[in-house]
């Protein structure tokens, strides 16, 4: 396992030093881009430029809500604009400020992204997807690389995925250490299930698929 990916949003503040993070071993940064059908994270554009300037891999995630899945996917793509070298992710979790995304809208979201870009987005979730699917295997969502959120010592995947691609083991406060990253502070930290070479290949392979499509 490789502990080299962080994910951030406006909650992490605006004074982040990605050069320090890179020197501390961070390879990839996944930034919140959008939520629902209209919200845009105010730090998205600035952090995207800074992450890429620091020579780090860049990804963007959308926080799903109960709104139409296709319109949410369109909003996500419109905000990102240039998809070049950008890993796409659907964040599927309980929404504390409104309606949560139903399974059918999650399927619509990832399917629209696949048809629009040529690649399935990664799918981030933890207890929410385990509760929603139970022991069933979802034939649509299983196409997406699985990013597990579980703040404990042992990652456990739902039956839809035979294994996890990334594992968010801490939110910067709960879960195993380390919690902090130089230049960032306490933050969401993630293991990649492989080596650095495999991480870079997997991250960039989605871009290759989009270009071919």
N, C-alpha and C. Protein backbone atom coordinates (compact mmCIF):
# COMPACT_ATOMS: atom_id res chain seq x y z
N UNK A 1 0.85 -1.21 0.00
CA UNK A 1 0.00 0.00 0.00
C UNK A 1 0.88 1.25 0.00
N UNK A 2 0.37 2.28 -0.62
CA UNK A 2 1.10 3.53 -0.75
C UNK A 2 0.28 4.67 -0.15
N UNK A 3 0.81 5.33 0.87
CA UNK A 3 0.12 6.43 1.54
C UNK A 3 0.55 7.74 0.89
N UNK A 4 -0.10 8.10 -0.23
CA UNK A 4 0.41 9.21 -1.02
C UNK A 4 -0.68 10.06 -1.66
N UNK A 5 -1.94 9.90 -1.25
CA UNK A 5 -3.04 10.66 -1.84
C UNK A 5 -3.80 11.38 -0.73
N UNK A 6 -4.11 12.66 -0.96
CA UNK A 6 -4.97 13.40 -0.03
C UNK A 6 -6.17 13.94 -0.80
N UNK A 7 -7.25 14.19 -0.08
CA UNK A 7 -8.39 14.87 -0.71
C UNK A 7 -8.77 16.07 0.14
N UNK A 8 -9.14 17.15 -0.55
CA UNK A 8 -9.34 18.44 0.11
C UNK A 8 -10.58 19.15 -0.43
N UNK A 9 -10.98 20.17 0.29
CA UNK A 9 -12.07 21.06 -0.13
C UNK A 9 -11.83 22.41 0.52
N UNK A 10 -12.82 23.30 0.43
CA UNK A 10 -12.68 24.60 1.08
C UNK A 10 -12.53 24.48 2.59
N UNK A 11 -12.95 23.36 3.16
CA UNK A 11 -12.81 23.15 4.60
C UNK A 11 -11.35 23.13 5.04
N UNK A 12 -10.45 22.85 4.12
CA UNK A 12 -9.02 22.82 4.45
C UNK A 12 -8.37 24.20 4.40
N UNK A 13 -9.14 25.22 4.05
CA UNK A 13 -8.61 26.56 4.00
C UNK A 13 -7.99 26.90 2.65
N UNK A 14 -7.46 28.10 2.56
CA UNK A 14 -6.94 28.58 1.28
C UNK A 14 -5.42 28.73 1.25
N UNK A 15 -4.77 28.48 2.36
CA UNK A 15 -3.31 28.65 2.42
C UNK A 15 -2.62 27.30 2.49
N UNK A 16 -2.73 26.54 1.43
CA UNK A 16 -2.13 25.22 1.36
C UNK A 16 -0.85 25.28 0.54
N UNK A 17 0.17 24.56 1.00
CA UNK A 17 1.47 24.56 0.33
C UNK A 17 1.69 23.18 -0.30
N UNK A 18 1.40 23.06 -1.58
CA UNK A 18 1.49 21.76 -2.25
C UNK A 18 2.92 21.36 -2.56
N UNK A 19 3.84 22.32 -2.60
CA UNK A 19 5.26 21.98 -2.76
C UNK A 19 5.74 21.22 -1.53
N UNK A 20 5.38 21.71 -0.35
CA UNK A 20 5.74 21.00 0.88
C UNK A 20 5.09 19.63 0.93
N UNK A 21 3.84 19.55 0.49
CA UNK A 21 3.15 18.27 0.49
C UNK A 21 3.85 17.27 -0.43
N UNK A 22 4.27 17.74 -1.60
CA UNK A 22 5.00 16.86 -2.53
C UNK A 22 6.29 16.35 -1.91
N UNK A 23 7.02 17.24 -1.26
CA UNK A 23 8.28 16.85 -0.63
C UNK A 23 8.05 15.89 0.54
N UNK A 24 6.85 15.93 1.12
CA UNK A 24 6.50 15.04 2.22
C UNK A 24 5.99 13.68 1.73
N UNK A 25 5.92 13.50 0.39
CA UNK A 25 5.53 12.20 -0.15
C UNK A 25 4.18 12.13 -0.80
N UNK A 26 3.45 13.24 -0.84
CA UNK A 26 2.15 13.25 -1.51
C UNK A 26 2.37 13.19 -3.03
N UNK A 27 1.60 12.35 -3.70
CA UNK A 27 1.70 12.21 -5.16
C UNK A 27 0.45 12.71 -5.85
N UNK A 28 -0.71 12.49 -5.24
CA UNK A 28 -1.97 12.89 -5.85
C UNK A 28 -2.85 13.67 -4.90
N UNK A 29 -3.58 14.66 -5.44
CA UNK A 29 -4.52 15.48 -4.67
C UNK A 29 -5.87 15.46 -5.37
N UNK A 30 -6.93 15.14 -4.63
CA UNK A 30 -8.27 15.13 -5.17
C UNK A 30 -9.07 16.24 -4.49
N UNK A 31 -9.52 17.19 -5.30
CA UNK A 31 -10.16 18.41 -4.81
C UNK A 31 -11.67 18.37 -5.05
N UNK A 32 -12.44 18.83 -4.08
CA UNK A 32 -13.88 18.97 -4.31
C UNK A 32 -14.11 20.03 -5.37
N UNK A 33 -14.93 19.69 -6.36
CA UNK A 33 -15.27 20.63 -7.42
C UNK A 33 -16.69 21.15 -7.27
N UNK A 34 -17.64 20.23 -7.10
CA UNK A 34 -19.05 20.61 -7.16
C UNK A 34 -19.89 19.81 -6.18
N UNK A 35 -21.13 20.26 -6.01
CA UNK A 35 -22.12 19.56 -5.20
C UNK A 35 -23.49 19.86 -5.78
N UNK A 36 -24.31 18.83 -5.92
CA UNK A 36 -25.64 19.03 -6.45
C UNK A 36 -25.63 19.54 -7.88
N UNK A 37 -26.60 20.39 -8.20
CA UNK A 37 -26.75 20.89 -9.57
C UNK A 37 -26.18 22.29 -9.78
N UNK A 38 -25.69 22.94 -8.71
CA UNK A 38 -25.25 24.31 -8.91
C UNK A 38 -24.07 24.78 -8.08
N UNK A 39 -23.72 24.06 -7.02
CA UNK A 39 -22.67 24.53 -6.14
C UNK A 39 -21.28 24.26 -6.72
N UNK A 40 -20.39 25.23 -6.54
CA UNK A 40 -18.98 25.09 -6.94
C UNK A 40 -18.11 25.41 -5.73
N UNK A 41 -17.16 24.53 -5.41
CA UNK A 41 -16.26 24.79 -4.30
C UNK A 41 -15.41 26.02 -4.62
N UNK A 42 -15.38 27.01 -3.74
CA UNK A 42 -14.68 28.26 -4.05
C UNK A 42 -13.16 28.12 -4.16
N UNK A 43 -12.60 27.02 -3.68
CA UNK A 43 -11.15 26.84 -3.77
C UNK A 43 -10.74 25.95 -4.94
N UNK A 44 -11.70 25.51 -5.74
CA UNK A 44 -11.40 24.53 -6.78
C UNK A 44 -10.38 25.04 -7.80
N UNK A 45 -10.66 26.15 -8.44
CA UNK A 45 -9.79 26.63 -9.51
C UNK A 45 -8.39 26.97 -9.00
N UNK A 46 -8.32 27.66 -7.88
CA UNK A 46 -7.02 28.04 -7.32
C UNK A 46 -6.20 26.82 -6.96
N UNK A 47 -6.83 25.87 -6.28
CA UNK A 47 -6.09 24.68 -5.87
C UNK A 47 -5.70 23.81 -7.06
N UNK A 48 -6.54 23.74 -8.08
CA UNK A 48 -6.17 22.97 -9.27
C UNK A 48 -4.88 23.52 -9.86
N UNK A 49 -4.80 24.82 -10.01
CA UNK A 49 -3.60 25.43 -10.58
C UNK A 49 -2.38 25.18 -9.71
N UNK A 50 -2.54 25.29 -8.40
CA UNK A 50 -1.41 25.10 -7.49
C UNK A 50 -0.95 23.64 -7.43
N UNK A 51 -1.90 22.72 -7.45
CA UNK A 51 -1.56 21.30 -7.43
C UNK A 51 -0.75 20.93 -8.68
N UNK A 52 -1.24 21.35 -9.83
CA UNK A 52 -0.54 21.03 -11.07
C UNK A 52 0.81 21.73 -11.16
N UNK A 53 0.90 22.95 -10.64
CA UNK A 53 2.17 23.68 -10.64
C UNK A 53 3.21 22.97 -9.78
N UNK A 54 2.74 22.28 -8.73
CA UNK A 54 3.64 21.55 -7.85
C UNK A 54 4.05 20.20 -8.42
N UNK A 55 3.51 19.84 -9.59
CA UNK A 55 3.87 18.58 -10.22
C UNK A 55 3.15 17.37 -9.65
N UNK A 56 2.00 17.60 -9.03
CA UNK A 56 1.23 16.51 -8.42
C UNK A 56 0.10 16.07 -9.35
N UNK A 57 -0.31 14.82 -9.21
CA UNK A 57 -1.48 14.33 -9.92
C UNK A 57 -2.72 15.04 -9.37
N UNK A 58 -3.66 15.34 -10.26
CA UNK A 58 -4.85 16.08 -9.83
C UNK A 58 -6.13 15.30 -10.12
N UNK A 59 -7.03 15.34 -9.15
CA UNK A 59 -8.34 14.74 -9.32
C UNK A 59 -9.42 15.68 -8.81
N UNK A 60 -10.66 15.46 -9.25
CA UNK A 60 -11.78 16.30 -8.84
C UNK A 60 -12.95 15.41 -8.44
N UNK A 61 -13.65 15.80 -7.37
CA UNK A 61 -14.81 15.00 -6.97
C UNK A 61 -16.07 15.85 -6.88
N UNK A 62 -17.18 15.15 -7.09
CA UNK A 62 -18.51 15.76 -6.98
C UNK A 62 -19.23 15.13 -5.81
N UNK A 63 -19.79 15.97 -4.93
CA UNK A 63 -20.59 15.49 -3.81
C UNK A 63 -22.03 15.33 -4.28
N UNK A 64 -22.50 14.09 -4.31
CA UNK A 64 -23.84 13.81 -4.83
C UNK A 64 -24.95 14.19 -3.86
N UNK A 65 -26.05 14.70 -4.42
CA UNK A 65 -27.25 15.02 -3.64
C UNK A 65 -28.45 14.30 -4.25
N UNK A 66 -29.63 14.59 -3.73
CA UNK A 66 -30.83 13.92 -4.21
C UNK A 66 -31.35 14.43 -5.54
N UNK A 67 -30.69 15.41 -6.13
CA UNK A 67 -31.12 15.96 -7.42
C UNK A 67 -30.85 14.97 -8.56
N UNK A 68 -31.31 15.32 -9.76
CA UNK A 68 -31.16 14.47 -10.93
C UNK A 68 -29.68 14.14 -11.18
N UNK A 69 -29.36 12.86 -11.34
CA UNK A 69 -27.98 12.44 -11.50
C UNK A 69 -27.32 12.94 -12.76
N UNK A 70 -28.06 12.95 -13.87
CA UNK A 70 -27.49 13.41 -15.13
C UNK A 70 -27.17 14.90 -15.08
N UNK A 71 -28.09 15.70 -14.54
CA UNK A 71 -27.85 17.14 -14.46
C UNK A 71 -26.69 17.44 -13.51
N UNK A 72 -26.52 16.64 -12.47
CA UNK A 72 -25.37 16.82 -11.58
C UNK A 72 -24.07 16.49 -12.32
N UNK A 73 -24.09 15.44 -13.12
CA UNK A 73 -22.90 15.07 -13.89
C UNK A 73 -22.55 16.16 -14.91
N UNK A 74 -23.56 16.73 -15.53
CA UNK A 74 -23.32 17.81 -16.50
C UNK A 74 -22.71 19.03 -15.81
N UNK A 75 -23.24 19.36 -14.64
CA UNK A 75 -22.70 20.48 -13.86
C UNK A 75 -21.24 20.24 -13.51
N UNK A 76 -20.93 19.04 -13.07
CA UNK A 76 -19.57 18.64 -12.71
C UNK A 76 -18.62 18.82 -13.90
N UNK A 77 -19.02 18.31 -15.05
CA UNK A 77 -18.17 18.40 -16.24
C UNK A 77 -18.01 19.84 -16.72
N UNK A 78 -19.06 20.63 -16.62
CA UNK A 78 -18.99 22.03 -17.05
C UNK A 78 -18.01 22.82 -16.18
N UNK A 79 -18.04 22.56 -14.89
CA UNK A 79 -17.15 23.29 -13.97
C UNK A 79 -15.70 22.87 -14.19
N UNK A 80 -15.45 21.58 -14.37
CA UNK A 80 -14.08 21.12 -14.59
C UNK A 80 -13.54 21.64 -15.91
N UNK A 81 -14.36 21.61 -16.95
CA UNK A 81 -13.92 22.12 -18.24
C UNK A 81 -12.86 21.22 -18.86
N UNK A 82 -11.61 21.58 -18.74
CA UNK A 82 -10.50 20.81 -19.29
C UNK A 82 -10.28 19.55 -18.45
N UNK A 83 -10.58 18.38 -19.04
CA UNK A 83 -10.44 17.12 -18.32
C UNK A 83 -9.03 16.55 -18.40
N UNK A 84 -8.14 17.23 -19.07
CA UNK A 84 -6.80 16.71 -19.28
C UNK A 84 -6.11 16.35 -17.96
N UNK A 85 -5.70 15.10 -17.84
CA UNK A 85 -4.96 14.60 -16.68
C UNK A 85 -5.72 14.82 -15.37
N UNK A 86 -7.03 14.64 -15.41
CA UNK A 86 -7.86 14.82 -14.22
C UNK A 86 -8.64 13.54 -13.90
N UNK A 87 -8.43 13.01 -12.72
CA UNK A 87 -9.18 11.85 -12.25
C UNK A 87 -10.54 12.34 -11.75
N UNK A 88 -11.63 11.70 -12.19
CA UNK A 88 -12.97 12.09 -11.78
C UNK A 88 -13.53 11.13 -10.74
N UNK A 89 -14.27 11.68 -9.78
CA UNK A 89 -14.78 10.88 -8.66
C UNK A 89 -16.19 11.32 -8.30
N UNK A 90 -17.06 10.35 -8.00
CA UNK A 90 -18.35 10.63 -7.37
C UNK A 90 -18.23 10.34 -5.88
N UNK A 91 -18.56 11.33 -5.06
CA UNK A 91 -18.58 11.19 -3.61
C UNK A 91 -20.02 10.84 -3.21
N UNK A 92 -20.20 9.59 -2.79
CA UNK A 92 -21.53 9.08 -2.45
C UNK A 92 -21.60 8.84 -0.95
N UNK A 93 -22.17 9.79 -0.23
CA UNK A 93 -22.31 9.67 1.21
C UNK A 93 -23.55 10.42 1.67
N UNK A 94 -23.90 10.24 2.93
CA UNK A 94 -25.07 10.92 3.47
C UNK A 94 -24.85 12.43 3.43
N UNK A 95 -25.88 13.15 3.02
CA UNK A 95 -25.80 14.60 2.90
C UNK A 95 -26.35 15.24 4.18
N UNK A 96 -25.50 15.89 4.98
CA UNK A 96 -25.97 16.46 6.26
C UNK A 96 -26.77 17.75 6.10
N UNK A 97 -26.80 18.31 4.89
CA UNK A 97 -27.48 19.60 4.71
C UNK A 97 -28.68 19.53 3.77
N UNK A 98 -29.06 18.32 3.35
CA UNK A 98 -30.19 18.20 2.43
C UNK A 98 -30.41 16.76 2.03
N UNK A 99 -31.03 16.55 0.88
CA UNK A 99 -31.35 15.20 0.43
C UNK A 99 -30.11 14.48 -0.05
N UNK A 100 -30.03 13.19 0.26
CA UNK A 100 -28.90 12.36 -0.15
C UNK A 100 -29.18 11.72 -1.51
N UNK A 101 -28.11 11.36 -2.20
CA UNK A 101 -28.23 10.79 -3.54
C UNK A 101 -28.76 9.35 -3.48
N UNK A 102 -29.87 9.05 -4.15
CA UNK A 102 -30.36 7.67 -4.23
C UNK A 102 -29.47 6.85 -5.17
N UNK A 103 -29.56 5.55 -5.06
CA UNK A 103 -28.75 4.67 -5.91
C UNK A 103 -29.01 4.91 -7.39
N UNK A 104 -30.28 5.11 -7.77
CA UNK A 104 -30.58 5.27 -9.19
C UNK A 104 -29.94 6.53 -9.77
N UNK A 105 -29.80 7.57 -8.95
CA UNK A 105 -29.16 8.79 -9.42
C UNK A 105 -27.64 8.63 -9.46
N UNK A 106 -27.10 7.84 -8.55
CA UNK A 106 -25.67 7.53 -8.61
C UNK A 106 -25.34 6.76 -9.88
N UNK A 107 -26.19 5.81 -10.23
CA UNK A 107 -25.98 5.05 -11.48
C UNK A 107 -26.07 5.97 -12.69
N UNK A 108 -27.05 6.88 -12.66
CA UNK A 108 -27.21 7.81 -13.78
C UNK A 108 -25.99 8.72 -13.89
N UNK A 109 -25.46 9.15 -12.77
CA UNK A 109 -24.30 10.04 -12.75
C UNK A 109 -23.08 9.37 -13.36
N UNK A 110 -22.73 8.19 -12.86
CA UNK A 110 -21.50 7.54 -13.35
C UNK A 110 -21.65 7.10 -14.80
N UNK A 111 -22.85 6.70 -15.20
CA UNK A 111 -23.08 6.30 -16.59
C UNK A 111 -22.93 7.49 -17.52
N UNK A 112 -23.46 8.64 -17.11
CA UNK A 112 -23.32 9.83 -17.95
C UNK A 112 -21.86 10.23 -18.11
N UNK A 113 -21.09 10.14 -17.02
CA UNK A 113 -19.67 10.47 -17.12
C UNK A 113 -18.94 9.49 -18.04
N UNK A 114 -19.28 8.23 -17.95
CA UNK A 114 -18.62 7.24 -18.81
C UNK A 114 -18.93 7.51 -20.27
N UNK A 115 -20.17 7.82 -20.57
CA UNK A 115 -20.56 8.09 -21.96
C UNK A 115 -19.95 9.40 -22.47
N UNK A 116 -19.76 10.36 -21.57
CA UNK A 116 -19.24 11.67 -21.96
C UNK A 116 -17.72 11.69 -22.09
N UNK A 117 -17.04 10.89 -21.27
CA UNK A 117 -15.58 10.97 -21.21
C UNK A 117 -14.87 9.72 -21.71
N UNK A 118 -15.58 8.59 -21.76
CA UNK A 118 -14.95 7.34 -22.16
C UNK A 118 -14.39 6.54 -21.02
N UNK A 119 -14.49 7.04 -19.78
CA UNK A 119 -13.96 6.32 -18.62
C UNK A 119 -14.94 6.38 -17.46
N UNK A 120 -15.01 5.31 -16.69
CA UNK A 120 -15.84 5.30 -15.50
C UNK A 120 -15.15 6.11 -14.41
N UNK A 121 -15.88 6.96 -13.68
CA UNK A 121 -15.26 7.68 -12.56
C UNK A 121 -15.00 6.74 -11.40
N UNK A 122 -14.11 7.14 -10.52
CA UNK A 122 -13.96 6.41 -9.26
C UNK A 122 -15.20 6.68 -8.40
N UNK A 123 -15.46 5.77 -7.49
CA UNK A 123 -16.66 5.86 -6.65
C UNK A 123 -16.23 5.83 -5.19
N UNK A 124 -16.47 6.94 -4.49
CA UNK A 124 -16.09 7.07 -3.08
C UNK A 124 -17.30 6.85 -2.19
N UNK A 125 -17.16 5.96 -1.22
CA UNK A 125 -18.23 5.75 -0.25
C UNK A 125 -17.74 4.82 0.86
N UNK A 126 -18.55 4.74 1.90
CA UNK A 126 -18.25 3.87 3.02
C UNK A 126 -19.53 3.22 3.52
N UNK A 127 -19.97 3.64 4.70
CA UNK A 127 -21.19 3.06 5.28
C UNK A 127 -22.41 3.30 4.40
N UNK A 128 -22.44 4.41 3.67
CA UNK A 128 -23.62 4.74 2.87
C UNK A 128 -23.87 3.69 1.79
N UNK A 129 -22.84 3.30 1.07
CA UNK A 129 -23.04 2.31 0.00
C UNK A 129 -23.23 0.91 0.59
N UNK A 130 -22.60 0.63 1.71
CA UNK A 130 -22.79 -0.68 2.35
C UNK A 130 -24.24 -0.83 2.81
N UNK A 131 -24.80 0.25 3.35
CA UNK A 131 -26.19 0.22 3.80
C UNK A 131 -27.14 0.13 2.61
N UNK A 132 -26.82 0.86 1.53
CA UNK A 132 -27.72 0.90 0.38
C UNK A 132 -27.76 -0.42 -0.38
N UNK A 133 -26.62 -1.08 -0.51
CA UNK A 133 -26.56 -2.30 -1.31
C UNK A 133 -26.70 -3.59 -0.51
N UNK A 134 -26.32 -3.55 0.76
CA UNK A 134 -26.37 -4.78 1.54
C UNK A 134 -25.43 -5.82 0.93
N UNK A 135 -25.97 -6.99 0.66
CA UNK A 135 -25.16 -8.08 0.10
C UNK A 135 -25.29 -8.18 -1.42
N UNK A 136 -26.05 -7.28 -2.04
CA UNK A 136 -26.24 -7.35 -3.49
C UNK A 136 -25.04 -6.76 -4.23
N UNK A 137 -24.88 -7.19 -5.47
CA UNK A 137 -23.82 -6.67 -6.34
C UNK A 137 -24.45 -5.76 -7.39
N UNK A 138 -23.99 -4.52 -7.47
CA UNK A 138 -24.55 -3.56 -8.42
C UNK A 138 -23.82 -3.66 -9.75
N UNK A 139 -24.53 -4.00 -10.84
CA UNK A 139 -23.87 -4.22 -12.14
C UNK A 139 -23.35 -2.95 -12.79
N UNK A 140 -23.86 -1.79 -12.38
CA UNK A 140 -23.39 -0.52 -12.94
C UNK A 140 -22.21 0.02 -12.13
N UNK A 141 -22.40 0.14 -10.83
CA UNK A 141 -21.37 0.74 -9.98
C UNK A 141 -20.10 -0.10 -9.92
N UNK A 142 -20.21 -1.39 -10.16
CA UNK A 142 -19.03 -2.25 -10.09
C UNK A 142 -18.01 -1.88 -11.16
N UNK A 143 -18.42 -1.14 -12.19
CA UNK A 143 -17.48 -0.69 -13.22
C UNK A 143 -16.53 0.39 -12.71
N UNK A 144 -16.91 1.05 -11.63
CA UNK A 144 -16.13 2.18 -11.11
C UNK A 144 -15.06 1.69 -10.13
N UNK A 145 -13.83 2.18 -10.24
CA UNK A 145 -12.82 1.88 -9.21
C UNK A 145 -13.35 2.33 -7.85
N UNK A 146 -13.18 1.50 -6.84
CA UNK A 146 -13.79 1.77 -5.54
C UNK A 146 -12.81 2.46 -4.60
N UNK A 147 -13.25 3.60 -4.06
CA UNK A 147 -12.49 4.37 -3.07
C UNK A 147 -13.25 4.23 -1.75
N UNK A 148 -12.72 3.43 -0.87
CA UNK A 148 -13.39 3.11 0.39
C UNK A 148 -13.10 4.15 1.46
N UNK A 149 -14.13 4.58 2.15
CA UNK A 149 -13.99 5.44 3.33
C UNK A 149 -14.27 4.58 4.56
N UNK A 150 -13.24 4.34 5.35
CA UNK A 150 -13.40 3.53 6.56
C UNK A 150 -12.27 3.85 7.53
N UNK A 151 -12.62 4.46 8.66
CA UNK A 151 -11.61 4.93 9.60
C UNK A 151 -11.34 3.87 10.66
N UNK A 152 -10.69 2.82 10.26
CA UNK A 152 -10.33 1.73 11.16
C UNK A 152 -9.10 1.03 10.64
N UNK A 153 -8.63 0.01 11.34
CA UNK A 153 -7.38 -0.64 10.96
C UNK A 153 -7.48 -1.59 9.77
N UNK A 154 -8.71 -2.03 9.45
CA UNK A 154 -8.87 -3.04 8.40
C UNK A 154 -9.93 -2.60 7.40
N UNK A 155 -9.58 -2.44 6.12
CA UNK A 155 -10.57 -2.06 5.11
C UNK A 155 -11.46 -3.23 4.72
N UNK A 156 -12.77 -3.00 4.68
CA UNK A 156 -13.73 -4.04 4.31
C UNK A 156 -14.62 -3.51 3.20
N UNK A 157 -14.58 -4.15 2.04
CA UNK A 157 -15.36 -3.71 0.88
C UNK A 157 -16.72 -4.37 0.83
N UNK A 158 -17.73 -3.67 0.29
CA UNK A 158 -19.02 -4.32 0.02
C UNK A 158 -18.85 -5.31 -1.14
N UNK A 159 -19.77 -6.28 -1.28
CA UNK A 159 -19.61 -7.35 -2.28
C UNK A 159 -19.50 -6.87 -3.73
N UNK A 160 -19.98 -5.67 -4.03
CA UNK A 160 -19.91 -5.17 -5.41
C UNK A 160 -18.47 -5.08 -5.91
N UNK A 161 -17.53 -4.81 -5.00
CA UNK A 161 -16.12 -4.67 -5.39
C UNK A 161 -15.27 -5.74 -4.71
N UNK A 162 -14.51 -6.51 -5.48
CA UNK A 162 -13.65 -7.53 -4.88
C UNK A 162 -12.52 -6.94 -4.06
N UNK A 163 -12.17 -5.67 -4.35
CA UNK A 163 -11.10 -5.02 -3.60
C UNK A 163 -11.22 -3.51 -3.75
N UNK A 164 -10.50 -2.78 -2.94
CA UNK A 164 -10.50 -1.33 -3.01
C UNK A 164 -9.30 -0.86 -3.83
N UNK A 165 -9.49 0.28 -4.51
CA UNK A 165 -8.39 0.92 -5.23
C UNK A 165 -7.72 1.95 -4.33
N UNK A 166 -8.53 2.75 -3.64
CA UNK A 166 -8.02 3.67 -2.62
C UNK A 166 -8.81 3.47 -1.34
N UNK A 167 -8.15 3.81 -0.23
CA UNK A 167 -8.78 3.66 1.08
C UNK A 167 -8.50 4.91 1.91
N UNK A 168 -9.57 5.66 2.19
CA UNK A 168 -9.46 6.81 3.08
C UNK A 168 -9.52 6.29 4.51
N UNK A 169 -8.36 6.29 5.15
CA UNK A 169 -8.27 5.68 6.48
C UNK A 169 -8.43 6.68 7.62
N UNK A 170 -8.39 7.99 7.30
CA UNK A 170 -8.56 9.02 8.31
C UNK A 170 -9.13 10.28 7.69
N UNK A 171 -9.85 11.04 8.52
CA UNK A 171 -10.33 12.36 8.10
C UNK A 171 -9.48 13.46 8.71
N UNK A 172 -8.32 13.08 9.22
CA UNK A 172 -7.44 14.04 9.86
C UNK A 172 -7.62 14.11 11.36
N UNK A 173 -8.62 13.39 11.87
CA UNK A 173 -8.87 13.38 13.30
C UNK A 173 -9.18 11.98 13.80
N UNK A 174 -10.05 11.29 13.07
CA UNK A 174 -10.46 9.92 13.41
C UNK A 174 -9.72 8.95 12.50
N UNK A 175 -9.35 7.79 13.03
CA UNK A 175 -8.69 6.78 12.24
C UNK A 175 -7.21 6.67 12.55
N UNK A 176 -6.56 5.65 11.97
CA UNK A 176 -5.13 5.44 12.23
C UNK A 176 -4.29 6.64 11.82
N UNK A 177 -3.13 6.78 12.45
CA UNK A 177 -2.19 7.84 12.08
C UNK A 177 -1.28 7.33 10.96
N UNK A 178 -0.63 8.26 10.21
CA UNK A 178 -0.56 9.71 10.42
C UNK A 178 -1.79 10.45 9.90
N UNK A 179 -2.08 11.59 10.53
CA UNK A 179 -3.22 12.43 10.16
C UNK A 179 -2.80 13.68 9.39
N UNK A 180 -1.59 14.16 9.66
CA UNK A 180 -1.14 15.44 9.10
C UNK A 180 -0.29 15.24 7.86
N UNK A 181 -0.25 16.30 7.05
CA UNK A 181 0.65 16.36 5.90
C UNK A 181 1.32 17.73 5.92
N UNK A 182 2.63 17.75 5.73
CA UNK A 182 3.35 19.03 5.71
C UNK A 182 2.77 19.94 4.63
N UNK A 183 2.54 21.19 4.98
CA UNK A 183 1.99 22.15 4.04
C UNK A 183 0.47 22.15 3.96
N UNK A 184 -0.15 21.12 4.51
CA UNK A 184 -1.62 20.99 4.44
C UNK A 184 -2.23 21.00 5.83
N UNK A 185 -1.60 20.30 6.78
CA UNK A 185 -2.15 20.12 8.11
C UNK A 185 -2.94 18.82 8.18
N UNK A 186 -3.81 18.73 9.18
CA UNK A 186 -4.67 17.56 9.31
C UNK A 186 -5.64 17.51 8.14
N UNK A 187 -5.77 16.35 7.52
CA UNK A 187 -6.61 16.25 6.32
C UNK A 187 -7.00 14.80 6.07
N UNK A 188 -7.88 14.62 5.08
CA UNK A 188 -8.24 13.28 4.63
C UNK A 188 -7.02 12.66 3.96
N UNK A 189 -6.60 11.49 4.43
CA UNK A 189 -5.45 10.80 3.84
C UNK A 189 -5.88 9.44 3.32
N UNK A 190 -5.20 8.98 2.27
CA UNK A 190 -5.63 7.78 1.57
C UNK A 190 -4.47 6.89 1.16
N UNK A 191 -4.69 5.60 1.31
CA UNK A 191 -3.78 4.60 0.75
C UNK A 191 -4.21 4.28 -0.67
N UNK A 192 -3.24 4.03 -1.53
CA UNK A 192 -3.48 3.44 -2.83
C UNK A 192 -3.07 1.98 -2.75
N UNK A 193 -3.85 1.11 -3.36
CA UNK A 193 -3.60 -0.33 -3.26
C UNK A 193 -2.59 -0.76 -4.33
N UNK A 194 -1.34 -0.31 -4.17
CA UNK A 194 -0.30 -0.66 -5.12
C UNK A 194 0.92 0.21 -4.92
N UNK A 195 1.81 0.20 -5.91
CA UNK A 195 3.05 0.95 -5.85
C UNK A 195 2.88 2.35 -6.45
N UNK A 196 3.93 3.17 -6.36
CA UNK A 196 3.88 4.49 -6.98
C UNK A 196 3.71 4.38 -8.49
N UNK A 197 4.43 3.46 -9.10
CA UNK A 197 4.31 3.28 -10.55
C UNK A 197 2.90 2.88 -10.92
N UNK A 198 2.30 1.97 -10.13
CA UNK A 198 0.93 1.53 -10.40
C UNK A 198 -0.07 2.66 -10.18
N UNK A 199 0.18 3.49 -9.18
CA UNK A 199 -0.71 4.64 -8.93
C UNK A 199 -0.69 5.58 -10.12
N UNK A 200 0.48 5.93 -10.60
CA UNK A 200 0.59 6.86 -11.72
C UNK A 200 -0.03 6.26 -12.98
N UNK A 201 0.18 4.98 -13.19
CA UNK A 201 -0.39 4.32 -14.37
C UNK A 201 -1.91 4.31 -14.29
N UNK A 202 -2.44 3.94 -13.12
CA UNK A 202 -3.90 3.88 -12.96
C UNK A 202 -4.52 5.26 -13.13
N UNK A 203 -3.93 6.26 -12.50
CA UNK A 203 -4.46 7.63 -12.54
C UNK A 203 -4.49 8.15 -13.97
N UNK A 204 -3.39 7.95 -14.69
CA UNK A 204 -3.28 8.47 -16.04
C UNK A 204 -3.99 7.60 -17.07
N UNK A 205 -4.22 6.35 -16.75
CA UNK A 205 -4.87 5.45 -17.71
C UNK A 205 -6.28 5.90 -18.02
N UNK A 206 -6.96 6.49 -17.03
CA UNK A 206 -8.30 7.02 -17.30
C UNK A 206 -8.24 8.12 -18.33
N UNK A 207 -7.16 8.92 -18.30
CA UNK A 207 -7.01 9.98 -19.30
C UNK A 207 -6.76 9.39 -20.68
N UNK A 208 -5.97 8.32 -20.75
CA UNK A 208 -5.71 7.66 -22.02
C UNK A 208 -7.02 7.14 -22.62
N UNK A 209 -7.85 6.54 -21.75
CA UNK A 209 -9.12 6.02 -22.22
C UNK A 209 -10.00 7.13 -22.76
N UNK A 210 -9.98 8.30 -22.11
CA UNK A 210 -10.80 9.40 -22.59
C UNK A 210 -10.34 9.87 -23.95
N UNK A 211 -9.02 9.95 -24.13
CA UNK A 211 -8.50 10.43 -25.41
C UNK A 211 -8.83 9.46 -26.53
N UNK A 212 -8.74 8.17 -26.24
CA UNK A 212 -9.07 7.16 -27.25
C UNK A 212 -10.55 7.22 -27.58
N UNK A 213 -11.40 7.40 -26.53
CA UNK A 213 -12.85 7.46 -26.74
C UNK A 213 -13.22 8.69 -27.53
